[in-house]
Amino acid sequence: MPTITILYFAAIRTLLSTATDHLPLPLSPHSPTSRLADLPSAIARLHPEADADALARILEGCMWSVDEEMVDLEEEAGRGGRVLCGGEIVAVIPPVSGG
């Protein structure tokens, strides 16, 4: 079964107590976890122990990359969504600040 690697940083890494997940993908591209836009709900299902409200708030503000290419999750969802085939590395990047 194909899988993707999900990398977590900063606040989401702290909340989930992990830096990485490996998510098996279904064989059908029409399945809910085959699309990038569906990953937030898949992450929530992978981590039922996490505070659901805090996770939703963090994920809402995150930037995403697939294989080191930044992706606009809302734009992808509007186009029908990017289908993940397996082997991709998806990074979930919370907002950062600095000066």
N, C-alpha and C. Protein backbone atom coordinates (compact mmCIF):
# COMPACT_ATOMS: atom_id res chain seq x y z
N MET A 1 0.85 -1.17 0.00
CA MET A 1 0.00 0.00 0.00
C MET A 1 0.90 1.24 0.00
N PRO A 2 0.62 2.21 -0.86
CA PRO A 2 1.44 3.43 -0.89
C PRO A 2 1.25 4.26 0.38
N THR A 3 2.31 4.95 0.77
CA THR A 3 2.25 5.82 1.95
C THR A 3 2.86 7.17 1.63
N ILE A 4 2.49 8.16 2.45
CA ILE A 4 3.16 9.46 2.40
C ILE A 4 3.78 9.70 3.77
N THR A 5 4.79 10.54 3.79
CA THR A 5 5.42 10.96 5.04
C THR A 5 4.94 12.36 5.34
N ILE A 6 4.49 12.58 6.56
CA ILE A 6 4.04 13.90 6.99
C ILE A 6 5.02 14.40 8.04
N LEU A 7 5.59 15.58 7.80
CA LEU A 7 6.53 16.21 8.72
C LEU A 7 5.83 17.34 9.46
N TYR A 8 6.02 17.40 10.78
CA TYR A 8 5.40 18.44 11.61
C TYR A 8 6.48 19.33 12.20
N PHE A 9 6.14 20.61 12.34
CA PHE A 9 7.07 21.58 12.89
C PHE A 9 6.39 22.43 13.96
N ALA A 10 7.20 22.99 14.85
CA ALA A 10 6.77 23.99 15.83
C ALA A 10 5.54 23.53 16.63
N ALA A 11 4.49 24.37 16.66
CA ALA A 11 3.33 24.13 17.53
C ALA A 11 2.64 22.81 17.26
N ILE A 12 2.53 22.43 16.00
CA ILE A 12 1.82 21.17 15.71
C ILE A 12 2.67 19.98 16.14
N ARG A 13 3.98 20.10 16.02
CA ARG A 13 4.87 19.03 16.50
C ARG A 13 4.71 18.87 18.00
N THR A 14 4.65 19.99 18.71
CA THR A 14 4.48 19.95 20.16
C THR A 14 3.13 19.34 20.54
N LEU A 15 2.07 19.78 19.89
CA LEU A 15 0.74 19.28 20.20
C LEU A 15 0.62 17.78 19.96
N LEU A 16 1.17 17.30 18.86
CA LEU A 16 1.04 15.89 18.50
C LEU A 16 2.12 15.01 19.13
N SER A 17 3.12 15.62 19.73
CA SER A 17 4.23 14.90 20.36
C SER A 17 4.96 13.97 19.38
N THR A 18 5.03 14.41 18.13
CA THR A 18 5.78 13.65 17.13
C THR A 18 6.23 14.59 16.03
N ALA A 19 7.31 14.24 15.37
CA ALA A 19 7.82 15.04 14.26
C ALA A 19 7.39 14.48 12.91
N THR A 20 6.96 13.21 12.90
CA THR A 20 6.69 12.54 11.63
C THR A 20 5.56 11.53 11.78
N ASP A 21 4.77 11.43 10.73
CA ASP A 21 3.79 10.35 10.61
C ASP A 21 3.96 9.73 9.23
N HIS A 22 3.61 8.47 9.12
CA HIS A 22 3.56 7.79 7.83
C HIS A 22 2.11 7.37 7.63
N LEU A 23 1.48 7.93 6.62
CA LEU A 23 0.06 7.71 6.37
C LEU A 23 -0.14 6.80 5.16
N PRO A 24 -0.72 5.61 5.38
CA PRO A 24 -1.03 4.76 4.23
C PRO A 24 -2.13 5.40 3.39
N LEU A 25 -1.98 5.33 2.10
CA LEU A 25 -3.00 5.87 1.20
C LEU A 25 -3.83 4.73 0.63
N PRO A 26 -5.11 4.96 0.45
CA PRO A 26 -5.94 3.95 -0.20
C PRO A 26 -5.55 3.83 -1.67
N LEU A 27 -5.88 2.74 -2.25
CA LEU A 27 -5.52 2.52 -3.65
C LEU A 27 -6.37 3.34 -4.62
N SER A 28 -7.53 3.78 -4.18
CA SER A 28 -8.41 4.57 -5.05
C SER A 28 -8.13 6.06 -4.92
N PRO A 29 -7.91 6.78 -6.03
CA PRO A 29 -7.68 8.22 -5.96
C PRO A 29 -8.93 8.99 -5.53
N HIS A 30 -10.08 8.33 -5.48
CA HIS A 30 -11.32 8.99 -5.07
C HIS A 30 -11.58 8.84 -3.58
N SER A 31 -10.69 8.16 -2.89
CA SER A 31 -10.84 7.97 -1.45
C SER A 31 -10.49 9.25 -0.71
N PRO A 32 -11.12 9.50 0.44
CA PRO A 32 -10.93 10.77 1.14
C PRO A 32 -9.50 11.13 1.51
N THR A 33 -8.64 10.19 1.81
CA THR A 33 -7.29 10.56 2.21
C THR A 33 -6.31 10.60 1.04
N SER A 34 -6.79 10.46 -0.18
CA SER A 34 -5.91 10.52 -1.34
C SER A 34 -5.65 11.95 -1.80
N ARG A 35 -6.38 12.90 -1.29
CA ARG A 35 -6.24 14.29 -1.73
C ARG A 35 -5.57 15.13 -0.64
N LEU A 36 -4.71 16.01 -1.08
CA LEU A 36 -3.99 16.87 -0.16
C LEU A 36 -4.94 17.65 0.74
N ALA A 37 -6.02 18.16 0.19
CA ALA A 37 -6.97 18.97 0.96
C ALA A 37 -7.63 18.18 2.09
N ASP A 38 -7.59 16.86 2.02
CA ASP A 38 -8.20 16.03 3.05
C ASP A 38 -7.23 15.65 4.17
N LEU A 39 -5.97 16.07 4.05
CA LEU A 39 -4.99 15.70 5.07
C LEU A 39 -5.31 16.25 6.46
N PRO A 40 -5.81 17.48 6.61
CA PRO A 40 -6.12 17.93 7.98
C PRO A 40 -7.04 16.96 8.73
N SER A 41 -8.07 16.47 8.08
CA SER A 41 -8.97 15.54 8.77
C SER A 41 -8.28 14.19 8.98
N ALA A 42 -7.42 13.78 8.06
CA ALA A 42 -6.68 12.53 8.25
C ALA A 42 -5.72 12.64 9.43
N ILE A 43 -5.09 13.81 9.58
CA ILE A 43 -4.19 14.02 10.72
C ILE A 43 -4.97 13.96 12.02
N ALA A 44 -6.15 14.55 12.05
CA ALA A 44 -6.99 14.50 13.25
C ALA A 44 -7.36 13.05 13.59
N ARG A 45 -7.65 12.24 12.58
CA ARG A 45 -7.97 10.83 12.82
C ARG A 45 -6.76 10.05 13.31
N LEU A 46 -5.57 10.42 12.84
CA LEU A 46 -4.35 9.75 13.29
C LEU A 46 -4.03 10.05 14.75
N HIS A 47 -4.53 11.20 15.23
CA HIS A 47 -4.18 11.66 16.58
C HIS A 47 -5.43 11.99 17.40
N PRO A 48 -6.24 10.99 17.72
CA PRO A 48 -7.45 11.26 18.49
C PRO A 48 -7.16 11.75 19.90
N GLU A 49 -5.93 11.53 20.38
CA GLU A 49 -5.55 11.98 21.72
C GLU A 49 -5.29 13.48 21.79
N ALA A 50 -5.10 14.11 20.65
CA ALA A 50 -4.79 15.55 20.61
C ALA A 50 -6.05 16.37 20.85
N ASP A 51 -5.87 17.54 21.44
CA ASP A 51 -6.98 18.48 21.63
C ASP A 51 -7.50 18.88 20.25
N ALA A 52 -8.72 18.47 19.93
CA ALA A 52 -9.28 18.68 18.58
C ALA A 52 -9.39 20.15 18.22
N ASP A 53 -9.80 20.99 19.17
CA ASP A 53 -9.94 22.42 18.89
C ASP A 53 -8.59 23.06 18.62
N ALA A 54 -7.60 22.73 19.45
CA ALA A 54 -6.25 23.28 19.26
C ALA A 54 -5.67 22.81 17.93
N LEU A 55 -5.87 21.55 17.61
CA LEU A 55 -5.36 21.02 16.35
C LEU A 55 -6.01 21.72 15.16
N ALA A 56 -7.31 21.91 15.22
CA ALA A 56 -8.01 22.59 14.12
C ALA A 56 -7.51 24.02 13.95
N ARG A 57 -7.29 24.73 15.06
CA ARG A 57 -6.78 26.12 14.99
C ARG A 57 -5.40 26.16 14.35
N ILE A 58 -4.54 25.26 14.77
CA ILE A 58 -3.18 25.25 14.23
C ILE A 58 -3.21 24.90 12.74
N LEU A 59 -3.93 23.84 12.39
CA LEU A 59 -3.98 23.41 10.99
C LEU A 59 -4.56 24.48 10.08
N GLU A 60 -5.52 25.25 10.60
CA GLU A 60 -6.14 26.30 9.80
C GLU A 60 -5.13 27.35 9.35
N GLY A 61 -4.12 27.61 10.16
CA GLY A 61 -3.14 28.63 9.82
C GLY A 61 -1.86 28.10 9.18
N CYS A 62 -1.79 26.81 8.96
CA CYS A 62 -0.56 26.21 8.45
C CYS A 62 -0.37 26.44 6.95
N MET A 63 0.91 26.45 6.58
CA MET A 63 1.30 26.38 5.18
C MET A 63 1.68 24.91 4.94
N TRP A 64 1.61 24.50 3.68
CA TRP A 64 1.86 23.11 3.33
C TRP A 64 2.87 23.05 2.20
N SER A 65 3.69 22.02 2.23
CA SER A 65 4.56 21.77 1.08
C SER A 65 4.48 20.29 0.73
N VAL A 66 4.62 20.02 -0.55
CA VAL A 66 4.67 18.65 -1.04
C VAL A 66 5.98 18.52 -1.80
N ASP A 67 6.83 17.62 -1.32
CA ASP A 67 8.14 17.42 -1.93
C ASP A 67 8.89 18.74 -2.10
N GLU A 68 8.90 19.53 -1.03
CA GLU A 68 9.63 20.80 -0.93
C GLU A 68 9.08 21.90 -1.83
N GLU A 69 7.86 21.76 -2.31
CA GLU A 69 7.20 22.80 -3.10
C GLU A 69 6.01 23.31 -2.30
N MET A 70 5.99 24.63 -2.03
CA MET A 70 4.89 25.21 -1.27
C MET A 70 3.58 25.06 -2.05
N VAL A 71 2.52 24.74 -1.32
CA VAL A 71 1.21 24.49 -1.92
C VAL A 71 0.16 25.27 -1.15
N ASP A 72 -0.74 25.93 -1.87
CA ASP A 72 -1.87 26.61 -1.26
C ASP A 72 -3.00 25.60 -1.14
N LEU A 73 -3.28 25.17 0.08
CA LEU A 73 -4.27 24.12 0.30
C LEU A 73 -5.65 24.52 -0.21
N GLU A 74 -6.07 25.76 0.04
CA GLU A 74 -7.39 26.22 -0.41
C GLU A 74 -7.46 26.26 -1.94
N GLU A 75 -6.39 26.74 -2.56
CA GLU A 75 -6.36 26.79 -4.03
C GLU A 75 -6.44 25.38 -4.62
N GLU A 76 -5.71 24.46 -4.02
CA GLU A 76 -5.74 23.07 -4.49
C GLU A 76 -7.13 22.48 -4.34
N ALA A 77 -7.79 22.76 -3.22
CA ALA A 77 -9.14 22.24 -2.99
C ALA A 77 -10.11 22.80 -4.02
N GLY A 78 -9.94 24.07 -4.38
CA GLY A 78 -10.80 24.71 -5.37
C GLY A 78 -10.66 24.11 -6.75
N ARG A 79 -9.51 23.53 -7.03
CA ARG A 79 -9.27 22.89 -8.34
C ARG A 79 -9.64 21.42 -8.34
N GLY A 80 -10.22 20.98 -7.27
CA GLY A 80 -10.55 19.55 -7.18
C GLY A 80 -9.55 18.80 -6.33
N GLY A 81 -8.45 19.46 -6.00
CA GLY A 81 -7.48 18.87 -5.09
C GLY A 81 -6.38 18.07 -5.77
N ARG A 82 -5.21 18.19 -5.20
CA ARG A 82 -4.06 17.42 -5.68
C ARG A 82 -4.18 16.00 -5.14
N VAL A 83 -4.06 15.04 -6.01
CA VAL A 83 -4.12 13.64 -5.61
C VAL A 83 -2.72 13.20 -5.20
N LEU A 84 -2.62 12.59 -4.04
CA LEU A 84 -1.36 12.05 -3.56
C LEU A 84 -1.27 10.60 -3.99
N CYS A 85 -0.13 10.23 -4.54
CA CYS A 85 0.03 8.89 -5.11
C CYS A 85 0.82 7.95 -4.21
N GLY A 86 1.52 8.51 -3.26
CA GLY A 86 2.40 7.72 -2.41
C GLY A 86 3.84 8.10 -2.68
N GLY A 87 4.63 8.11 -1.63
CA GLY A 87 6.03 8.48 -1.76
C GLY A 87 6.28 9.96 -1.50
N GLU A 88 5.23 10.78 -1.48
CA GLU A 88 5.42 12.21 -1.25
C GLU A 88 5.80 12.49 0.21
N ILE A 89 6.51 13.60 0.38
CA ILE A 89 6.80 14.11 1.72
C ILE A 89 6.02 15.41 1.85
N VAL A 90 5.09 15.43 2.79
CA VAL A 90 4.24 16.59 3.02
C VAL A 90 4.67 17.24 4.33
N ALA A 91 5.00 18.52 4.28
CA ALA A 91 5.38 19.27 5.48
C ALA A 91 4.23 20.17 5.89
N VAL A 92 3.91 20.14 7.18
CA VAL A 92 2.86 20.97 7.77
C VAL A 92 3.59 22.04 8.58
N ILE A 93 3.50 23.29 8.10
CA ILE A 93 4.33 24.37 8.65
C ILE A 93 3.44 25.43 9.28
N PRO A 94 3.41 25.50 10.62
CA PRO A 94 2.62 26.53 11.29
C PRO A 94 3.20 27.91 11.05
N PRO A 95 2.40 28.95 11.29
CA PRO A 95 2.91 30.31 11.13
C PRO A 95 4.13 30.53 12.04
N VAL A 96 5.05 31.33 11.55
CA VAL A 96 6.24 31.65 12.34
C VAL A 96 6.34 33.16 12.49
N SER A 97 7.03 33.58 13.51
CA SER A 97 7.26 35.01 13.68
C SER A 97 8.72 35.20 14.05
N GLY A 98 9.16 36.38 13.91
CA GLY A 98 10.55 36.67 14.24
C GLY A 98 10.87 38.10 13.91
N GLY A 99 12.06 38.48 14.16
CA GLY A 99 12.37 39.86 13.90
C GLY A 99 13.78 40.09 13.56
